[in-house]
Amino acid sequence: MDLFRKAGEKFEETKQSFMEGKETPYVCRSCEEPVDDDYDHCPHCGEETVEPVE
């Protein structure tokens, strides 16, 4: 089931970036906010879950 969870997360990331009208290079997996740079911690929620959007 982990495969389906990861696929769902990836879909949500991509959907969010297209809905906002711009493609963001990074996204936070905790708060699902787009992030412009590769931060160690998310500037929105402070978690260490910023990852590149592939």
C-alpha atoms as a PDB file:
ATOM      1  CA  MET A   1       0.000   0.000   0.000  1.00  0.00           C
ATOM      2  CA  ASP A   2       2.976   2.301   0.413  1.00  0.00           C
ATOM      3  CA  LEU A   3       3.265   2.493  -3.376  1.00  0.00           C
ATOM      4  CA  PHE A   4      -0.269   3.891  -3.680  1.00  0.00           C
ATOM      5  CA  ARG A   5       0.351   6.427  -0.915  1.00  0.00           C
ATOM      6  CA  LYS A   6       3.486   7.694  -2.663  1.00  0.00           C
ATOM      7  CA  ALA A   7       1.671   7.893  -5.997  1.00  0.00           C
ATOM      8  CA  GLY A   8      -1.135   9.871  -4.376  1.00  0.00           C
ATOM      9  CA  GLU A   9       1.334  12.288  -2.790  1.00  0.00           C
ATOM     10  CA  LYS A  10       3.087  12.816  -6.119  1.00  0.00           C
ATOM     11  CA  PHE A  11      -0.231  13.462  -7.841  1.00  0.00           C
ATOM     12  CA  GLU A  12      -1.199  16.050  -5.215  1.00  0.00           C
ATOM     13  CA  GLU A  13       2.151  17.830  -5.560  1.00  0.00           C
ATOM     14  CA  THR A  14       1.801  18.062  -9.322  1.00  0.00           C
ATOM     15  CA  LYS A  15      -1.831  19.127  -9.131  1.00  0.00           C
ATOM     16  CA  GLN A  16      -0.997  21.886  -6.640  1.00  0.00           C
ATOM     17  CA  SER A  17       1.782  23.276  -8.820  1.00  0.00           C
ATOM     18  CA  PHE A  18      -0.447  23.408 -11.908  1.00  0.00           C
ATOM     19  CA  MET A  19      -3.423  24.893 -10.053  1.00  0.00           C
ATOM     20  CA  GLU A  20      -1.329  27.799  -8.870  1.00  0.00           C
ATOM     21  CA  GLY A  21      -0.338  28.634 -12.434  1.00  0.00           C
ATOM     22  CA  LYS A  22       3.375  28.100 -11.913  1.00  0.00           C
ATOM     23  CA  GLU A  23       5.599  25.114 -11.579  1.00  0.00           C
ATOM     24  CA  THR A  24       7.552  25.052  -8.354  1.00  0.00           C
ATOM     25  CA  PRO A  25      10.797  23.116  -8.064  1.00  0.00           C
ATOM     26  CA  TYR A  26      10.179  21.994  -4.446  1.00  0.00           C
ATOM     27  CA  VAL A  27       7.245  21.110  -2.208  1.00  0.00           C
ATOM     28  CA  CYS A  28       6.841  20.383   1.493  1.00  0.00           C
ATOM     29  CA  ARG A  29       5.355  16.957   2.170  1.00  0.00           C
ATOM     30  CA  SER A  30       4.036  18.039   5.586  1.00  0.00           C
ATOM     31  CA  CYS A  31       2.033  21.155   4.723  1.00  0.00           C
ATOM     32  CA  GLU A  32       1.986  20.623   0.913  1.00  0.00           C
ATOM     33  CA  GLU A  33       3.052  24.224   0.292  1.00  0.00           C
ATOM     34  CA  PRO A  34       5.238  24.993  -2.742  1.00  0.00           C
ATOM     35  CA  VAL A  35       8.778  26.116  -1.901  1.00  0.00           C
ATOM     36  CA  ASP A  36      10.966  28.045  -4.345  1.00  0.00           C
ATOM     37  CA  ASP A  37      14.391  26.970  -3.016  1.00  0.00           C
ATOM     38  CA  ASP A  38      15.920  23.820  -1.540  1.00  0.00           C
ATOM     39  CA  TYR A  39      15.577  24.586   2.177  1.00  0.00           C
ATOM     40  CA  ASP A  40      16.624  22.279   5.001  1.00  0.00           C
ATOM     41  CA  HIS A  41      13.360  23.161   6.761  1.00  0.00           C
ATOM     42  CA  CYS A  42      10.069  24.361   5.296  1.00  0.00           C
ATOM     43  CA  PRO A  43       9.615  28.142   5.661  1.00  0.00           C
ATOM     44  CA  HIS A  44       5.864  27.568   6.172  1.00  0.00           C
ATOM     45  CA  CYS A  45       5.686  24.846   8.833  1.00  0.00           C
ATOM     46  CA  GLY A  46       9.312  24.292   9.916  1.00  0.00           C
ATOM     47  CA  GLU A  47       9.397  20.564   9.154  1.00  0.00           C
ATOM     48  CA  GLU A  48      12.350  18.834   7.436  1.00  0.00           C
ATOM     49  CA  THR A  49      10.195  17.552   4.577  1.00  0.00           C
ATOM     50  CA  VAL A  50      11.090  19.799   1.621  1.00  0.00           C
ATOM     51  CA  GLU A  51      11.679  17.644  -1.455  1.00  0.00           C
ATOM     52  CA  PRO A  52      12.142  18.330  -5.172  1.00  0.00           C
ATOM     53  CA  VAL A  53       9.164  17.914  -7.478  1.00  0.00           C
ATOM     54  CA  GLU A  54      10.071  15.426 -10.188  1.00  0.00           C
END
